[in-house]
N, C-alpha and C. Protein backbone atom coordinates (compact mmCIF):
# COMPACT_ATOMS: atom_id res chain seq x y z
N UNK A 1 -22.28 -165.19 -49.28
CA UNK A 1 -21.93 -165.96 -48.11
C UNK A 1 -22.41 -165.22 -46.87
N UNK A 2 -22.90 -165.98 -45.90
CA UNK A 2 -23.36 -165.37 -44.66
C UNK A 2 -22.19 -164.73 -43.92
N UNK A 3 -22.45 -163.61 -43.32
CA UNK A 3 -21.38 -162.94 -42.59
C UNK A 3 -20.92 -163.74 -41.39
N UNK A 4 -21.81 -164.56 -40.81
CA UNK A 4 -21.41 -165.35 -39.64
C UNK A 4 -20.35 -166.39 -39.99
N UNK A 5 -20.29 -166.83 -41.23
CA UNK A 5 -19.26 -167.80 -41.62
C UNK A 5 -17.88 -167.16 -41.60
N UNK A 6 -17.82 -165.86 -41.80
CA UNK A 6 -16.53 -165.18 -41.76
C UNK A 6 -15.91 -165.25 -40.37
N UNK A 7 -16.76 -165.33 -39.34
CA UNK A 7 -16.23 -165.45 -37.98
C UNK A 7 -15.46 -166.75 -37.82
N UNK A 8 -15.94 -167.81 -38.44
CA UNK A 8 -15.22 -169.09 -38.41
C UNK A 8 -13.87 -168.98 -39.09
N UNK A 9 -13.86 -168.33 -40.26
CA UNK A 9 -12.58 -168.13 -40.96
C UNK A 9 -11.64 -167.25 -40.13
N UNK A 10 -12.18 -166.21 -39.52
CA UNK A 10 -11.38 -165.30 -38.71
C UNK A 10 -10.79 -166.03 -37.51
N UNK A 11 -11.60 -166.81 -36.81
CA UNK A 11 -11.11 -167.56 -35.65
C UNK A 11 -10.07 -168.59 -36.06
N UNK A 12 -10.30 -169.27 -37.17
CA UNK A 12 -9.33 -170.27 -37.64
C UNK A 12 -8.02 -169.61 -38.05
N UNK A 13 -8.11 -168.47 -38.70
CA UNK A 13 -6.90 -167.75 -39.10
C UNK A 13 -6.10 -167.28 -37.90
N UNK A 14 -6.80 -166.74 -36.90
CA UNK A 14 -6.12 -166.26 -35.70
C UNK A 14 -5.44 -167.42 -34.97
N UNK A 15 -6.14 -168.54 -34.85
CA UNK A 15 -5.55 -169.71 -34.18
C UNK A 15 -4.34 -170.24 -34.94
N UNK A 16 -4.40 -170.19 -36.26
CA UNK A 16 -3.28 -170.66 -37.08
C UNK A 16 -2.07 -169.73 -36.93
N UNK A 17 -2.31 -168.44 -36.88
CA UNK A 17 -1.22 -167.49 -36.66
C UNK A 17 -0.59 -167.72 -35.29
N UNK A 18 -1.42 -167.92 -34.29
CA UNK A 18 -0.92 -168.18 -32.94
C UNK A 18 -0.13 -169.48 -32.89
N UNK A 19 -0.61 -170.52 -33.59
CA UNK A 19 0.12 -171.80 -33.66
C UNK A 19 1.46 -171.61 -34.35
N UNK A 20 1.48 -170.82 -35.41
CA UNK A 20 2.73 -170.58 -36.13
C UNK A 20 3.77 -169.93 -35.23
N UNK A 21 3.34 -168.99 -34.40
CA UNK A 21 4.27 -168.34 -33.47
C UNK A 21 4.85 -169.37 -32.49
N UNK A 22 4.01 -170.25 -31.98
CA UNK A 22 4.49 -171.26 -31.03
C UNK A 22 5.44 -172.26 -31.70
N UNK A 23 5.15 -172.64 -32.93
CA UNK A 23 6.05 -173.55 -33.64
C UNK A 23 7.39 -172.86 -33.94
N UNK A 24 7.33 -171.58 -34.27
CA UNK A 24 8.55 -170.79 -34.50
C UNK A 24 9.42 -170.79 -33.25
N UNK A 25 8.78 -170.54 -32.10
CA UNK A 25 9.52 -170.53 -30.85
C UNK A 25 10.04 -171.92 -30.50
N UNK A 26 9.25 -172.96 -30.76
CA UNK A 26 9.67 -174.33 -30.45
C UNK A 26 10.88 -174.74 -31.29
N UNK A 27 10.99 -174.20 -32.49
CA UNK A 27 12.11 -174.53 -33.36
C UNK A 27 13.35 -173.66 -33.09
N UNK A 28 13.27 -172.80 -32.07
CA UNK A 28 14.44 -172.03 -31.67
C UNK A 28 14.32 -170.53 -31.89
N UNK A 29 13.23 -170.06 -32.45
CA UNK A 29 13.05 -168.62 -32.65
C UNK A 29 12.95 -167.89 -31.32
N UNK A 30 13.39 -166.66 -31.30
CA UNK A 30 13.43 -165.92 -30.05
C UNK A 30 12.54 -164.67 -30.06
N UNK A 31 12.19 -164.17 -31.22
CA UNK A 31 11.47 -162.91 -31.31
C UNK A 31 10.11 -163.01 -30.62
N UNK A 32 9.92 -162.23 -29.56
CA UNK A 32 8.65 -162.16 -28.86
C UNK A 32 8.44 -163.19 -27.77
N UNK A 33 9.29 -164.20 -27.67
CA UNK A 33 9.10 -165.23 -26.66
C UNK A 33 9.26 -164.68 -25.25
N UNK A 34 10.21 -163.78 -25.06
CA UNK A 34 10.41 -163.21 -23.73
C UNK A 34 9.20 -162.40 -23.28
N UNK A 35 8.50 -161.80 -24.20
CA UNK A 35 7.30 -161.04 -23.86
C UNK A 35 6.16 -161.99 -23.53
N UNK A 36 6.04 -163.07 -24.27
CA UNK A 36 4.95 -164.02 -24.08
C UNK A 36 5.14 -164.90 -22.86
N UNK A 37 6.33 -165.45 -22.67
CA UNK A 37 6.56 -166.44 -21.62
C UNK A 37 7.37 -165.91 -20.44
N UNK A 38 8.02 -164.80 -20.61
CA UNK A 38 8.89 -164.30 -19.55
C UNK A 38 10.35 -164.53 -19.91
N UNK A 39 11.18 -163.67 -19.39
CA UNK A 39 12.59 -163.70 -19.74
C UNK A 39 13.28 -164.99 -19.32
N UNK A 40 12.97 -165.48 -18.10
CA UNK A 40 13.65 -166.68 -17.60
C UNK A 40 13.35 -167.90 -18.46
N UNK A 41 12.07 -168.15 -18.78
CA UNK A 41 11.73 -169.30 -19.63
C UNK A 41 12.29 -169.14 -21.03
N UNK A 42 12.29 -167.93 -21.55
CA UNK A 42 12.82 -167.69 -22.89
C UNK A 42 14.31 -167.99 -22.95
N UNK A 43 15.03 -167.67 -21.88
CA UNK A 43 16.47 -167.91 -21.86
C UNK A 43 16.81 -169.37 -21.59
N UNK A 44 16.13 -169.98 -20.63
CA UNK A 44 16.47 -171.35 -20.22
C UNK A 44 15.88 -172.42 -21.14
N UNK A 45 14.66 -172.22 -21.60
CA UNK A 45 13.94 -173.18 -22.45
C UNK A 45 14.02 -174.62 -21.94
N UNK A 46 13.48 -174.87 -20.74
CA UNK A 46 13.50 -176.25 -20.24
C UNK A 46 12.68 -177.16 -21.16
N UNK A 47 13.00 -178.45 -21.13
CA UNK A 47 12.35 -179.42 -22.01
C UNK A 47 10.84 -179.45 -21.86
N UNK A 48 10.34 -179.37 -20.62
CA UNK A 48 8.89 -179.40 -20.41
C UNK A 48 8.21 -178.20 -21.05
N UNK A 49 8.90 -177.07 -21.04
CA UNK A 49 8.33 -175.85 -21.62
C UNK A 49 8.26 -175.95 -23.14
N UNK A 50 9.32 -176.45 -23.75
CA UNK A 50 9.33 -176.58 -25.21
C UNK A 50 8.29 -177.62 -25.65
N UNK A 51 8.24 -178.75 -24.95
CA UNK A 51 7.31 -179.82 -25.35
C UNK A 51 5.85 -179.43 -25.11
N UNK A 52 5.54 -178.99 -23.91
CA UNK A 52 4.15 -178.69 -23.58
C UNK A 52 3.74 -177.27 -23.88
N UNK A 53 4.61 -176.34 -23.55
CA UNK A 53 4.25 -174.94 -23.68
C UNK A 53 4.37 -174.39 -25.09
N UNK A 54 5.19 -175.00 -25.91
CA UNK A 54 5.35 -174.49 -27.28
C UNK A 54 4.75 -175.46 -28.29
N UNK A 55 5.26 -176.69 -28.36
CA UNK A 55 4.71 -177.66 -29.31
C UNK A 55 3.25 -178.00 -28.96
N UNK A 56 3.00 -178.23 -27.67
CA UNK A 56 1.66 -178.61 -27.24
C UNK A 56 0.63 -177.53 -27.51
N UNK A 57 0.94 -176.31 -27.15
CA UNK A 57 0.01 -175.20 -27.38
C UNK A 57 -0.18 -174.96 -28.88
N UNK A 58 0.89 -175.11 -29.65
CA UNK A 58 0.76 -174.96 -31.11
C UNK A 58 -0.20 -175.99 -31.69
N UNK A 59 -0.10 -177.23 -31.23
CA UNK A 59 -1.02 -178.27 -31.71
C UNK A 59 -2.45 -178.00 -31.26
N UNK A 60 -2.62 -177.54 -30.02
CA UNK A 60 -3.97 -177.20 -29.55
C UNK A 60 -4.57 -176.06 -30.36
N UNK A 61 -3.75 -175.12 -30.76
CA UNK A 61 -4.24 -174.03 -31.61
C UNK A 61 -4.72 -174.55 -32.96
N UNK A 62 -4.01 -175.52 -33.52
CA UNK A 62 -4.45 -176.10 -34.79
C UNK A 62 -5.75 -176.87 -34.62
N UNK A 63 -5.92 -177.54 -33.49
CA UNK A 63 -7.19 -178.21 -33.21
C UNK A 63 -8.30 -177.16 -33.10
N UNK A 64 -8.02 -176.06 -32.43
CA UNK A 64 -8.99 -174.97 -32.33
C UNK A 64 -9.35 -174.40 -33.68
N UNK A 65 -8.37 -174.29 -34.57
CA UNK A 65 -8.65 -173.80 -35.93
C UNK A 65 -9.57 -174.77 -36.67
N UNK A 66 -9.35 -176.06 -36.47
CA UNK A 66 -10.21 -177.07 -37.11
C UNK A 66 -11.64 -176.98 -36.58
N UNK A 67 -11.76 -176.80 -35.28
CA UNK A 67 -13.10 -176.66 -34.68
C UNK A 67 -13.79 -175.40 -35.21
N UNK A 68 -13.04 -174.31 -35.33
CA UNK A 68 -13.62 -173.07 -35.84
C UNK A 68 -14.13 -173.25 -37.26
N UNK A 69 -13.37 -173.96 -38.07
CA UNK A 69 -13.83 -174.21 -39.44
C UNK A 69 -15.06 -175.12 -39.45
N UNK A 70 -15.09 -176.08 -38.53
CA UNK A 70 -16.26 -176.96 -38.44
C UNK A 70 -17.49 -176.22 -37.96
N UNK A 71 -17.31 -175.22 -37.11
CA UNK A 71 -18.44 -174.47 -36.59
C UNK A 71 -19.07 -173.54 -37.63
N UNK A 72 -18.46 -173.41 -38.77
CA UNK A 72 -19.08 -172.63 -39.84
C UNK A 72 -20.35 -173.32 -40.31
N UNK A 73 -20.50 -174.56 -39.94
CA UNK A 73 -21.69 -175.38 -40.22
C UNK A 73 -21.87 -175.66 -41.70
N UNK A 74 -20.81 -175.84 -42.37
CA UNK A 74 -20.89 -176.19 -43.78
C UNK A 74 -20.76 -177.70 -43.90
N UNK A 75 -21.87 -178.39 -44.06
CA UNK A 75 -21.87 -179.84 -44.20
C UNK A 75 -21.74 -180.59 -42.89
N UNK A 76 -21.90 -179.90 -41.77
CA UNK A 76 -21.81 -180.55 -40.46
C UNK A 76 -23.19 -180.51 -39.83
N UNK A 77 -23.70 -181.68 -39.43
CA UNK A 77 -24.99 -181.73 -38.77
C UNK A 77 -25.05 -182.92 -37.84
N UNK A 78 -26.16 -183.08 -37.17
CA UNK A 78 -26.36 -184.21 -36.28
C UNK A 78 -25.47 -184.15 -35.04
N UNK A 79 -25.02 -185.32 -34.64
CA UNK A 79 -24.19 -185.41 -33.42
C UNK A 79 -22.88 -184.66 -33.55
N UNK A 80 -22.29 -184.70 -34.73
CA UNK A 80 -21.02 -184.00 -34.92
C UNK A 80 -21.18 -182.51 -34.66
N UNK A 81 -22.29 -181.94 -35.10
CA UNK A 81 -22.55 -180.52 -34.85
C UNK A 81 -22.65 -180.26 -33.35
N UNK A 82 -23.32 -181.14 -32.63
CA UNK A 82 -23.44 -180.99 -31.17
C UNK A 82 -22.08 -181.08 -30.49
N UNK A 83 -21.26 -182.05 -30.90
CA UNK A 83 -19.92 -182.18 -30.34
C UNK A 83 -19.07 -180.94 -30.62
N UNK A 84 -19.17 -180.44 -31.84
CA UNK A 84 -18.40 -179.24 -32.19
C UNK A 84 -18.83 -178.03 -31.37
N UNK A 85 -20.13 -177.90 -31.14
CA UNK A 85 -20.62 -176.78 -30.33
C UNK A 85 -20.08 -176.87 -28.90
N UNK A 86 -20.16 -178.06 -28.30
CA UNK A 86 -19.66 -178.23 -26.94
C UNK A 86 -18.15 -177.97 -26.89
N UNK A 87 -17.43 -178.51 -27.86
CA UNK A 87 -15.99 -178.29 -27.93
C UNK A 87 -15.67 -176.81 -28.13
N UNK A 88 -16.42 -176.15 -28.98
CA UNK A 88 -16.21 -174.72 -29.21
C UNK A 88 -16.45 -173.90 -27.95
N UNK A 89 -17.52 -174.21 -27.22
CA UNK A 89 -17.78 -173.51 -25.95
C UNK A 89 -16.67 -173.79 -24.95
N UNK A 90 -16.20 -175.03 -24.90
CA UNK A 90 -15.12 -175.37 -23.97
C UNK A 90 -13.84 -174.64 -24.30
N UNK A 91 -13.49 -174.60 -25.57
CA UNK A 91 -12.28 -173.90 -25.99
C UNK A 91 -12.42 -172.41 -25.68
N UNK A 92 -13.58 -171.87 -25.96
CA UNK A 92 -13.81 -170.45 -25.66
C UNK A 92 -13.69 -170.14 -24.17
N UNK A 93 -14.22 -171.04 -23.36
CA UNK A 93 -14.13 -170.86 -21.91
C UNK A 93 -12.70 -170.93 -21.40
N UNK A 94 -11.95 -171.87 -21.90
CA UNK A 94 -10.55 -172.00 -21.50
C UNK A 94 -9.74 -170.81 -22.00
N UNK A 95 -10.00 -170.38 -23.22
CA UNK A 95 -9.25 -169.27 -23.80
C UNK A 95 -9.47 -167.97 -23.06
N UNK A 96 -10.66 -167.79 -22.50
CA UNK A 96 -10.92 -166.55 -21.77
C UNK A 96 -10.30 -166.57 -20.37
N UNK A 97 -9.94 -167.76 -19.88
CA UNK A 97 -9.34 -167.87 -18.55
C UNK A 97 -7.83 -167.75 -18.57
N UNK A 98 -7.23 -167.89 -19.73
CA UNK A 98 -5.76 -167.89 -19.82
C UNK A 98 -5.21 -166.50 -19.85
């Protein structure tokens, strides 16, 4: 297997781990949330934060994992490959700004 395909697996795995942490926090887990979001948000957990900041980010991480697996270029070509590349660059750009 090409070594470059491992980067897709690595990115997908990292995104899945990150999504799991957000889902854990959304379901009421507390470990590490104060470090990630701040003590006030971790204690108060307003509805907008749980919906958008925890569930929403977790879902976006799973979408990112799917894109990473698609970018391995296994059976993906044509327009779909172009869309995945643009989406991958966009996700990478947003991720570096956060």
